């Protein structure tokens, strides 16, 4: 019976051989953790804004994108050969983002473009984190948060001023 357990243990060890040491395990956890955390920041902003694609969606998009580049890099794929993987990620995220866009009755009533763009951005951030470009991922996230949160307020102020502008009769 002990031979069976030894064989099972040996098989389990060989299945986890893609993580050869503690350094590699730490690297994997950091990259994937960074992707999840940064995706979560963007998702939290979207959720706080009442958008359908929120915290969990953005976290999963970032995690998935990070895994799509991390696994081939672990397998020895050259960075230059990742272009095909990236093309697939970008195309797949395009379909996911398209699902966030809703066109209502009138031509000008289109909703979800910003959420769709944030999903696309989240995938790019996940790719950066998965490739070990954590600083790029963090800076990109901060810029995206600025665009999503700060510029929304600027847009609201401009729209409010335009609505409050009253043109009196006879003035030009």
N, C-alpha and C. Protein backbone atom coordinates (compact mmCIF):
# COMPACT_ATOMS: atom_id res chain seq x y z
N UNK A 1 0.81 -1.20 0.00
CA UNK A 1 0.00 0.00 0.00
C UNK A 1 0.85 1.26 0.00
N UNK A 2 2.00 1.20 0.67
CA UNK A 2 2.84 2.39 0.74
C UNK A 2 3.44 2.75 -0.62
N UNK A 3 3.63 1.74 -1.48
CA UNK A 3 4.13 2.01 -2.83
C UNK A 3 3.13 2.85 -3.62
N UNK A 4 1.85 2.58 -3.42
CA UNK A 4 0.81 3.35 -4.11
C UNK A 4 0.87 4.81 -3.67
N UNK A 5 0.98 5.02 -2.35
CA UNK A 5 1.03 6.39 -1.84
C UNK A 5 2.29 7.12 -2.29
N UNK A 6 3.40 6.39 -2.38
CA UNK A 6 4.64 7.00 -2.89
C UNK A 6 4.48 7.42 -4.34
N UNK A 7 3.82 6.57 -5.11
CA UNK A 7 3.58 6.90 -6.52
C UNK A 7 2.65 8.11 -6.64
N UNK A 8 1.62 8.14 -5.81
CA UNK A 8 0.69 9.28 -5.82
C UNK A 8 1.45 10.56 -5.44
N UNK A 9 2.25 10.49 -4.39
CA UNK A 9 3.01 11.66 -3.94
C UNK A 9 3.98 12.12 -5.03
N UNK A 10 4.63 11.18 -5.68
CA UNK A 10 5.57 11.50 -6.75
C UNK A 10 4.85 12.18 -7.92
N UNK A 11 3.66 11.70 -8.23
CA UNK A 11 2.87 12.30 -9.31
C UNK A 11 2.44 13.72 -8.96
N UNK A 12 2.00 13.91 -7.73
CA UNK A 12 1.60 15.25 -7.28
C UNK A 12 2.79 16.20 -7.36
N UNK A 13 3.96 15.75 -6.92
CA UNK A 13 5.16 16.58 -6.99
C UNK A 13 5.51 16.96 -8.42
N UNK A 14 5.42 16.00 -9.32
CA UNK A 14 5.76 16.29 -10.72
C UNK A 14 4.76 17.25 -11.36
N UNK A 15 3.49 17.16 -10.94
CA UNK A 15 2.48 18.07 -11.48
C UNK A 15 2.72 19.52 -11.04
N UNK A 16 3.34 19.71 -9.90
CA UNK A 16 3.64 21.05 -9.40
C UNK A 16 5.09 21.46 -9.69
N UNK A 17 5.74 20.76 -10.59
CA UNK A 17 7.14 21.04 -10.90
C UNK A 17 7.32 22.33 -11.68
N UNK A 18 6.22 22.95 -12.13
CA UNK A 18 6.36 24.22 -12.85
C UNK A 18 6.74 25.36 -11.92
N UNK A 19 6.69 25.11 -10.62
CA UNK A 19 7.14 26.09 -9.63
C UNK A 19 8.37 25.47 -8.96
N UNK A 20 9.56 25.70 -9.52
CA UNK A 20 10.74 24.97 -9.06
C UNK A 20 11.28 25.39 -7.69
N UNK A 21 11.03 26.64 -7.28
CA UNK A 21 11.60 27.09 -6.01
C UNK A 21 10.74 28.21 -5.41
N UNK A 22 11.11 28.62 -4.21
CA UNK A 22 10.34 29.65 -3.49
C UNK A 22 10.38 30.99 -4.22
N UNK A 23 11.49 31.28 -4.87
CA UNK A 23 11.59 32.54 -5.62
C UNK A 23 10.58 32.61 -6.75
N UNK A 24 10.44 31.53 -7.48
CA UNK A 24 9.47 31.49 -8.58
C UNK A 24 8.04 31.54 -8.06
N UNK A 25 7.79 30.84 -6.96
CA UNK A 25 6.45 30.88 -6.35
C UNK A 25 6.11 32.29 -5.91
N UNK A 26 7.07 32.98 -5.31
CA UNK A 26 6.85 34.37 -4.88
C UNK A 26 6.57 35.26 -6.08
N UNK A 27 7.34 35.08 -7.14
CA UNK A 27 7.16 35.87 -8.37
C UNK A 27 5.75 35.67 -8.94
N UNK A 28 5.29 34.44 -8.98
CA UNK A 28 3.95 34.14 -9.51
C UNK A 28 2.88 34.80 -8.66
N UNK A 29 2.98 34.62 -7.34
CA UNK A 29 1.98 35.19 -6.43
C UNK A 29 1.98 36.71 -6.52
N UNK A 30 3.16 37.33 -6.58
CA UNK A 30 3.22 38.79 -6.69
C UNK A 30 2.60 39.30 -7.98
N UNK A 31 2.93 38.67 -9.09
CA UNK A 31 2.40 39.13 -10.38
C UNK A 31 0.88 38.97 -10.46
N UNK A 32 0.41 37.79 -10.06
CA UNK A 32 -1.04 37.56 -10.12
C UNK A 32 -1.76 38.41 -9.07
N UNK A 33 -1.18 38.53 -7.89
CA UNK A 33 -1.77 39.37 -6.85
C UNK A 33 -1.85 40.82 -7.27
N UNK A 34 -0.80 41.31 -7.91
CA UNK A 34 -0.78 42.69 -8.40
C UNK A 34 -1.87 42.89 -9.44
N UNK A 35 -2.02 41.94 -10.34
CA UNK A 35 -3.06 42.05 -11.37
C UNK A 35 -4.44 42.12 -10.73
N UNK A 36 -4.70 41.24 -9.78
CA UNK A 36 -6.01 41.21 -9.11
C UNK A 36 -6.27 42.51 -8.36
N UNK A 37 -5.26 42.98 -7.63
CA UNK A 37 -5.42 44.20 -6.85
C UNK A 37 -5.67 45.42 -7.74
N UNK A 38 -4.89 45.57 -8.79
CA UNK A 38 -5.05 46.73 -9.67
C UNK A 38 -6.36 46.66 -10.45
N UNK A 39 -6.71 45.46 -10.90
CA UNK A 39 -8.02 45.29 -11.55
C UNK A 39 -9.15 45.62 -10.59
N UNK A 40 -8.96 45.24 -9.33
CA UNK A 40 -9.96 45.54 -8.31
C UNK A 40 -10.14 47.03 -8.09
N UNK A 41 -9.06 47.79 -8.15
CA UNK A 41 -9.17 49.25 -7.99
C UNK A 41 -10.04 49.86 -9.09
N UNK A 42 -9.79 49.43 -10.33
CA UNK A 42 -10.61 49.94 -11.43
C UNK A 42 -12.04 49.44 -11.31
N UNK A 43 -12.20 48.19 -10.93
CA UNK A 43 -13.54 47.63 -10.77
C UNK A 43 -14.32 48.30 -9.66
N UNK A 44 -13.64 48.65 -8.57
CA UNK A 44 -14.30 49.35 -7.47
C UNK A 44 -14.82 50.70 -7.93
N UNK A 45 -14.02 51.40 -8.71
CA UNK A 45 -14.47 52.69 -9.22
C UNK A 45 -15.70 52.52 -10.10
N UNK A 46 -15.71 51.52 -10.96
CA UNK A 46 -16.86 51.28 -11.85
C UNK A 46 -18.09 50.89 -11.03
N UNK A 47 -17.87 50.05 -10.03
CA UNK A 47 -19.00 49.60 -9.20
C UNK A 47 -19.57 50.77 -8.39
N UNK A 48 -18.69 51.58 -7.84
CA UNK A 48 -19.12 52.76 -7.09
C UNK A 48 -19.92 53.72 -7.98
N UNK A 49 -19.63 53.69 -9.27
CA UNK A 49 -20.35 54.53 -10.23
C UNK A 49 -21.64 53.88 -10.69
N UNK A 50 -21.95 52.70 -10.17
CA UNK A 50 -23.20 52.03 -10.51
C UNK A 50 -23.17 51.29 -11.84
N UNK A 51 -22.01 50.91 -12.31
CA UNK A 51 -21.88 50.22 -13.60
C UNK A 51 -22.00 48.71 -13.40
N UNK A 52 -22.48 48.04 -14.44
CA UNK A 52 -22.72 46.59 -14.35
C UNK A 52 -21.42 45.80 -14.19
N UNK A 53 -20.40 46.17 -14.95
CA UNK A 53 -19.11 45.49 -14.84
C UNK A 53 -18.31 46.17 -13.74
N UNK A 54 -18.24 45.52 -12.59
CA UNK A 54 -17.62 46.16 -11.44
C UNK A 54 -16.41 45.43 -10.91
N UNK A 55 -16.36 45.32 -9.61
CA UNK A 55 -15.20 44.82 -8.90
C UNK A 55 -14.76 43.43 -9.37
N UNK A 56 -15.64 42.46 -9.28
CA UNK A 56 -15.26 41.08 -9.62
C UNK A 56 -14.91 40.94 -11.10
N UNK A 57 -15.67 41.59 -11.96
CA UNK A 57 -15.40 41.49 -13.40
C UNK A 57 -14.00 41.99 -13.71
N UNK A 58 -13.67 43.17 -13.21
CA UNK A 58 -12.36 43.75 -13.50
C UNK A 58 -11.23 42.93 -12.87
N UNK A 59 -11.46 42.40 -11.69
CA UNK A 59 -10.43 41.57 -11.06
C UNK A 59 -10.18 40.31 -11.89
N UNK A 60 -11.24 39.69 -12.37
CA UNK A 60 -11.09 38.47 -13.17
C UNK A 60 -10.45 38.75 -14.52
N UNK A 61 -10.80 39.87 -15.14
CA UNK A 61 -10.19 40.23 -16.43
C UNK A 61 -8.68 40.42 -16.25
N UNK A 62 -8.29 41.16 -15.21
CA UNK A 62 -6.86 41.38 -14.97
C UNK A 62 -6.14 40.07 -14.67
N UNK A 63 -6.74 39.23 -13.83
CA UNK A 63 -6.14 37.95 -13.48
C UNK A 63 -6.00 37.06 -14.71
N UNK A 64 -7.05 36.97 -15.50
CA UNK A 64 -7.00 36.15 -16.71
C UNK A 64 -5.93 36.62 -17.69
N UNK A 65 -5.86 37.92 -17.90
CA UNK A 65 -4.86 38.47 -18.82
C UNK A 65 -3.45 38.19 -18.31
N UNK A 66 -3.26 38.31 -17.00
CA UNK A 66 -1.94 38.03 -16.41
C UNK A 66 -1.56 36.57 -16.60
N UNK A 67 -2.50 35.67 -16.39
CA UNK A 67 -2.23 34.24 -16.56
C UNK A 67 -1.90 33.92 -18.01
N UNK A 68 -2.61 34.55 -18.95
CA UNK A 68 -2.37 34.28 -20.37
C UNK A 68 -0.94 34.62 -20.80
N UNK A 69 -0.30 35.56 -20.14
CA UNK A 69 1.10 35.87 -20.49
C UNK A 69 2.09 35.21 -19.55
N UNK A 70 1.71 34.99 -18.30
CA UNK A 70 2.63 34.41 -17.33
C UNK A 70 2.94 32.95 -17.64
N UNK A 71 1.93 32.18 -17.97
CA UNK A 71 2.13 30.75 -18.22
C UNK A 71 3.06 30.51 -19.42
N UNK A 72 2.86 31.18 -20.57
CA UNK A 72 3.81 30.97 -21.66
C UNK A 72 5.24 31.40 -21.31
N UNK A 73 5.37 32.48 -20.54
CA UNK A 73 6.71 32.90 -20.12
C UNK A 73 7.34 31.84 -19.23
N UNK A 74 6.56 31.24 -18.34
CA UNK A 74 7.07 30.15 -17.49
C UNK A 74 7.48 28.96 -18.33
N UNK A 75 6.75 28.73 -19.42
CA UNK A 75 7.04 27.59 -20.29
C UNK A 75 8.22 27.81 -21.21
N UNK A 76 8.84 28.98 -21.13
CA UNK A 76 10.02 29.24 -21.94
C UNK A 76 9.75 29.99 -23.23
N UNK A 77 8.54 30.44 -23.45
CA UNK A 77 8.24 31.20 -24.66
C UNK A 77 8.99 32.53 -24.61
N UNK A 78 9.58 32.88 -25.72
CA UNK A 78 10.28 34.16 -25.81
C UNK A 78 9.28 35.31 -25.79
N UNK A 79 9.71 36.43 -25.23
CA UNK A 79 8.84 37.60 -25.13
C UNK A 79 8.34 38.01 -26.52
N UNK A 80 9.19 37.92 -27.53
CA UNK A 80 8.80 38.28 -28.89
C UNK A 80 7.70 37.39 -29.44
N UNK A 81 7.66 36.14 -29.00
CA UNK A 81 6.63 35.21 -29.48
C UNK A 81 5.29 35.39 -28.78
N UNK A 82 5.26 36.21 -27.76
CA UNK A 82 4.01 36.45 -27.04
C UNK A 82 3.01 37.28 -27.85
N UNK A 83 3.44 37.79 -28.99
CA UNK A 83 2.53 38.64 -29.78
C UNK A 83 1.25 37.90 -30.15
N UNK A 84 1.35 36.63 -30.46
CA UNK A 84 0.14 35.86 -30.81
C UNK A 84 -0.77 35.70 -29.60
N UNK A 85 -0.19 35.48 -28.44
CA UNK A 85 -0.98 35.38 -27.21
C UNK A 85 -1.68 36.71 -26.95
N UNK A 86 -0.95 37.80 -27.08
CA UNK A 86 -1.52 39.12 -26.84
C UNK A 86 -2.64 39.43 -27.84
N UNK A 87 -2.47 39.03 -29.08
CA UNK A 87 -3.53 39.24 -30.08
C UNK A 87 -4.81 38.53 -29.65
N UNK A 88 -4.68 37.33 -29.15
CA UNK A 88 -5.85 36.59 -28.69
C UNK A 88 -6.51 37.24 -27.48
N UNK A 89 -5.69 37.71 -26.54
CA UNK A 89 -6.23 38.39 -25.36
C UNK A 89 -6.97 39.64 -25.77
N UNK A 90 -6.36 40.43 -26.64
CA UNK A 90 -6.98 41.69 -27.07
C UNK A 90 -8.29 41.43 -27.80
N UNK A 91 -8.31 40.43 -28.68
CA UNK A 91 -9.55 40.11 -29.41
C UNK A 91 -10.63 39.62 -28.45
N UNK A 92 -10.26 38.76 -27.52
CA UNK A 92 -11.23 38.25 -26.56
C UNK A 92 -11.80 39.34 -25.68
N UNK A 93 -10.97 40.24 -25.23
CA UNK A 93 -11.43 41.35 -24.40
C UNK A 93 -12.31 42.28 -25.22
N UNK A 94 -12.04 42.40 -26.50
CA UNK A 94 -12.90 43.21 -27.37
C UNK A 94 -14.33 42.69 -27.36
N UNK A 95 -14.49 41.37 -27.41
CA UNK A 95 -15.84 40.79 -27.36
C UNK A 95 -16.49 41.01 -26.01
N UNK A 96 -15.72 40.86 -24.95
CA UNK A 96 -16.25 41.09 -23.60
C UNK A 96 -16.67 42.54 -23.44
N UNK A 97 -15.83 43.46 -23.91
CA UNK A 97 -16.15 44.88 -23.83
C UNK A 97 -17.37 45.24 -24.66
N UNK A 98 -17.52 44.60 -25.80
CA UNK A 98 -18.68 44.88 -26.65
C UNK A 98 -19.97 44.51 -25.93
N UNK A 99 -19.91 43.51 -25.08
CA UNK A 99 -21.09 43.12 -24.32
C UNK A 99 -21.50 44.16 -23.29
N UNK A 100 -20.59 45.06 -22.94
CA UNK A 100 -20.90 46.10 -21.96
C UNK A 100 -21.54 47.32 -22.60
N UNK A 101 -21.57 47.37 -23.93
CA UNK A 101 -22.11 48.53 -24.63
C UNK A 101 -23.57 48.29 -24.97
N UNK A 102 -24.39 49.24 -24.62
CA UNK A 102 -25.83 49.15 -24.88
C UNK A 102 -26.24 50.35 -25.70
N UNK A 103 -26.94 50.09 -26.81
CA UNK A 103 -27.46 51.17 -27.63
C UNK A 103 -28.95 51.25 -27.40
N UNK A 104 -29.38 52.41 -26.96
CA UNK A 104 -30.80 52.62 -26.70
C UNK A 104 -31.47 53.18 -27.95
N UNK A 105 -32.74 53.53 -27.82
CA UNK A 105 -33.56 53.97 -28.95
C UNK A 105 -32.95 54.99 -29.87
N UNK A 106 -32.55 56.11 -29.35
CA UNK A 106 -32.01 57.16 -30.21
C UNK A 106 -30.55 56.89 -30.52
N UNK A 107 -30.08 57.47 -31.62
CA UNK A 107 -28.70 57.26 -32.02
C UNK A 107 -27.70 57.74 -30.99
N UNK A 108 -28.00 58.80 -30.30
CA UNK A 108 -27.05 59.39 -29.36
C UNK A 108 -27.07 58.70 -28.00
N UNK A 109 -27.97 57.78 -27.79
CA UNK A 109 -28.08 57.10 -26.50
C UNK A 109 -27.31 55.79 -26.51
N UNK A 110 -26.02 55.90 -26.30
CA UNK A 110 -25.16 54.72 -26.22
C UNK A 110 -24.55 54.72 -24.83
N UNK A 111 -24.69 53.61 -24.12
CA UNK A 111 -24.18 53.49 -22.76
C UNK A 111 -23.16 52.36 -22.69
N UNK A 112 -22.20 52.51 -21.82
CA UNK A 112 -21.25 51.44 -21.56
C UNK A 112 -19.90 51.59 -22.25
N UNK A 113 -19.70 52.65 -23.02
CA UNK A 113 -18.42 52.81 -23.71
C UNK A 113 -17.26 52.95 -22.73
N UNK A 114 -17.47 53.74 -21.68
CA UNK A 114 -16.39 53.93 -20.71
C UNK A 114 -16.12 52.63 -19.95
N UNK A 115 -17.15 51.91 -19.59
CA UNK A 115 -16.95 50.63 -18.91
C UNK A 115 -16.24 49.65 -19.83
N UNK A 116 -16.61 49.64 -21.10
CA UNK A 116 -15.95 48.78 -22.07
C UNK A 116 -14.46 49.14 -22.17
N UNK A 117 -14.18 50.43 -22.22
CA UNK A 117 -12.78 50.88 -22.28
C UNK A 117 -12.03 50.51 -21.00
N UNK A 118 -12.72 50.56 -19.86
CA UNK A 118 -12.06 50.21 -18.60
C UNK A 118 -11.76 48.71 -18.54
N UNK A 119 -12.61 47.90 -19.13
CA UNK A 119 -12.34 46.45 -19.21
C UNK A 119 -11.10 46.21 -20.08
N UNK A 120 -11.03 46.90 -21.20
CA UNK A 120 -9.88 46.79 -22.10
C UNK A 120 -8.61 47.23 -21.38
N UNK A 121 -8.70 48.35 -20.67
CA UNK A 121 -7.56 48.87 -19.91
C UNK A 121 -7.14 47.89 -18.82
N UNK A 122 -8.11 47.29 -18.16
CA UNK A 122 -7.82 46.32 -17.10
C UNK A 122 -7.07 45.12 -17.65
N UNK A 123 -7.42 44.67 -18.84
CA UNK A 123 -6.70 43.56 -19.46
C UNK A 123 -5.25 43.96 -19.74
N UNK A 124 -5.05 45.17 -20.23
CA UNK A 124 -3.69 45.64 -20.50
C UNK A 124 -2.87 45.71 -19.21
N UNK A 125 -3.50 46.15 -18.14
CA UNK A 125 -2.82 46.22 -16.84
C UNK A 125 -2.49 44.80 -16.36
N UNK A 126 -3.40 43.86 -16.55
CA UNK A 126 -3.13 42.47 -16.20
C UNK A 126 -1.98 41.89 -16.99
N UNK A 127 -1.91 42.21 -18.28
CA UNK A 127 -0.79 41.76 -19.11
C UNK A 127 0.52 42.32 -18.57
N UNK A 128 0.53 43.61 -18.25
CA UNK A 128 1.76 44.24 -17.73
C UNK A 128 2.19 43.56 -16.43
N UNK A 129 1.25 43.33 -15.53
CA UNK A 129 1.59 42.67 -14.26
C UNK A 129 2.08 41.25 -14.51
N UNK A 130 1.42 40.53 -15.38
CA UNK A 130 1.80 39.15 -15.68
C UNK A 130 3.18 39.03 -16.29
N UNK A 131 3.60 40.07 -17.02
CA UNK A 131 4.92 40.06 -17.64
C UNK A 131 6.00 40.59 -16.70
N UNK A 132 5.60 40.95 -15.47
CA UNK A 132 6.59 41.44 -14.52
C UNK A 132 6.87 42.92 -14.64
N UNK A 133 5.99 43.63 -15.28
CA UNK A 133 6.12 45.09 -15.44
C UNK A 133 5.20 45.77 -14.44
N UNK A 134 5.44 45.50 -13.16
CA UNK A 134 4.55 45.98 -12.11
C UNK A 134 4.48 47.50 -12.05
N UNK A 135 5.62 48.18 -12.22
CA UNK A 135 5.62 49.65 -12.16
C UNK A 135 4.75 50.22 -13.27
N UNK A 136 4.86 49.66 -14.46
CA UNK A 136 4.02 50.11 -15.58
C UNK A 136 2.55 49.86 -15.26
N UNK A 137 2.25 48.73 -14.67
CA UNK A 137 0.87 48.41 -14.31
C UNK A 137 0.32 49.39 -13.28
N UNK A 138 1.13 49.73 -12.29
CA UNK A 138 0.68 50.66 -11.24
C UNK A 138 0.45 52.05 -11.82
N UNK A 139 1.41 52.55 -12.60
CA UNK A 139 1.27 53.89 -13.20
C UNK A 139 0.06 53.92 -14.12
N UNK A 140 -0.14 52.88 -14.91
CA UNK A 140 -1.30 52.82 -15.81
C UNK A 140 -2.60 52.83 -15.03
N UNK A 141 -2.64 52.11 -13.92
CA UNK A 141 -3.84 52.08 -13.09
C UNK A 141 -4.14 53.46 -12.52
N UNK A 142 -3.11 54.13 -12.03
CA UNK A 142 -3.31 55.48 -11.48
C UNK A 142 -3.83 56.44 -12.56
N UNK A 143 -3.29 56.33 -13.76
CA UNK A 143 -3.76 57.18 -14.86
C UNK A 143 -5.21 56.86 -15.21
N UNK A 144 -5.54 55.58 -15.25
CA UNK A 144 -6.91 55.18 -15.56
C UNK A 144 -7.88 55.67 -14.49
N UNK A 145 -7.48 55.56 -13.22
CA UNK A 145 -8.34 56.06 -12.14
C UNK A 145 -8.54 57.57 -12.25
N UNK A 146 -7.51 58.28 -12.64
CA UNK A 146 -7.63 59.73 -12.85
C UNK A 146 -8.67 60.00 -13.93
N UNK A 147 -8.55 59.30 -15.04
CA UNK A 147 -9.50 59.50 -16.15
C UNK A 147 -10.92 59.14 -15.71
N UNK A 148 -11.08 58.01 -15.04
CA UNK A 148 -12.42 57.56 -14.66
C UNK A 148 -13.05 58.40 -13.56
N UNK A 149 -12.30 58.74 -12.53
CA UNK A 149 -12.88 59.41 -11.36
C UNK A 149 -12.81 60.93 -11.45
N UNK A 150 -11.63 61.46 -11.72
CA UNK A 150 -11.45 62.91 -11.71
C UNK A 150 -12.10 63.56 -12.93
N UNK A 151 -11.85 63.01 -14.09
CA UNK A 151 -12.41 63.63 -15.30
C UNK A 151 -13.92 63.50 -15.36
N UNK A 152 -14.50 62.50 -14.68
CA UNK A 152 -15.96 62.41 -14.61
C UNK A 152 -16.52 63.65 -13.91
N UNK A 153 -15.85 64.07 -12.84
CA UNK A 153 -16.30 65.26 -12.11
C UNK A 153 -16.15 66.51 -12.97
N UNK A 154 -15.06 66.59 -13.72
CA UNK A 154 -14.86 67.74 -14.62
C UNK A 154 -15.96 67.77 -15.67
N UNK A 155 -16.26 66.62 -16.26
CA UNK A 155 -17.35 66.54 -17.25
C UNK A 155 -18.67 66.96 -16.64
N UNK A 156 -18.94 66.53 -15.42
CA UNK A 156 -20.20 66.88 -14.75
C UNK A 156 -20.29 68.38 -14.52
N UNK A 157 -19.20 69.01 -14.13
CA UNK A 157 -19.21 70.46 -13.93
C UNK A 157 -19.46 71.20 -15.23
N UNK A 158 -18.80 70.76 -16.28
CA UNK A 158 -18.99 71.41 -17.58
C UNK A 158 -20.44 71.25 -18.03
N UNK A 159 -20.99 70.05 -17.90
CA UNK A 159 -22.38 69.82 -18.29
C UNK A 159 -23.33 70.66 -17.45
N UNK A 160 -23.04 70.78 -16.16
CA UNK A 160 -23.89 71.58 -15.27
C UNK A 160 -23.86 73.05 -15.66
N UNK A 161 -22.68 73.56 -15.98
CA UNK A 161 -22.56 74.96 -16.40
C UNK A 161 -23.30 75.20 -17.71
N UNK A 162 -23.23 74.24 -18.62
CA UNK A 162 -23.93 74.39 -19.90
C UNK A 162 -25.43 74.38 -19.70
N UNK A 163 -25.92 73.55 -18.78
CA UNK A 163 -27.36 73.52 -18.51
C UNK A 163 -27.83 74.78 -17.81
N UNK A 164 -26.99 75.33 -16.95
CA UNK A 164 -27.38 76.52 -16.19
C UNK A 164 -27.21 77.81 -16.98
N UNK A 165 -26.54 77.73 -18.10
CA UNK A 165 -26.34 78.92 -18.92
C UNK A 165 -27.69 79.30 -19.54
N UNK A 166 -28.15 80.45 -19.17
CA UNK A 166 -29.43 80.92 -19.68
C UNK A 166 -29.16 82.07 -20.64
N UNK A 167 -29.62 81.88 -21.83
CA UNK A 167 -29.45 82.95 -22.82
C UNK A 167 -30.71 83.78 -22.80
N UNK A 168 -30.54 85.03 -22.42
CA UNK A 168 -31.71 85.90 -22.36
C UNK A 168 -32.11 86.33 -23.76
N UNK A 169 -33.42 86.54 -23.97
CA UNK A 169 -33.89 86.94 -25.30
C UNK A 169 -33.23 88.25 -25.72
N UNK A 170 -32.82 88.32 -26.93
CA UNK A 170 -32.22 89.53 -27.47
C UNK A 170 -30.71 89.57 -27.29
N UNK A 171 -30.13 88.67 -26.50
CA UNK A 171 -28.67 88.69 -26.35
C UNK A 171 -28.06 87.68 -27.31
N UNK A 172 -26.84 87.94 -27.67
CA UNK A 172 -26.16 87.04 -28.60
C UNK A 172 -25.04 86.33 -27.94
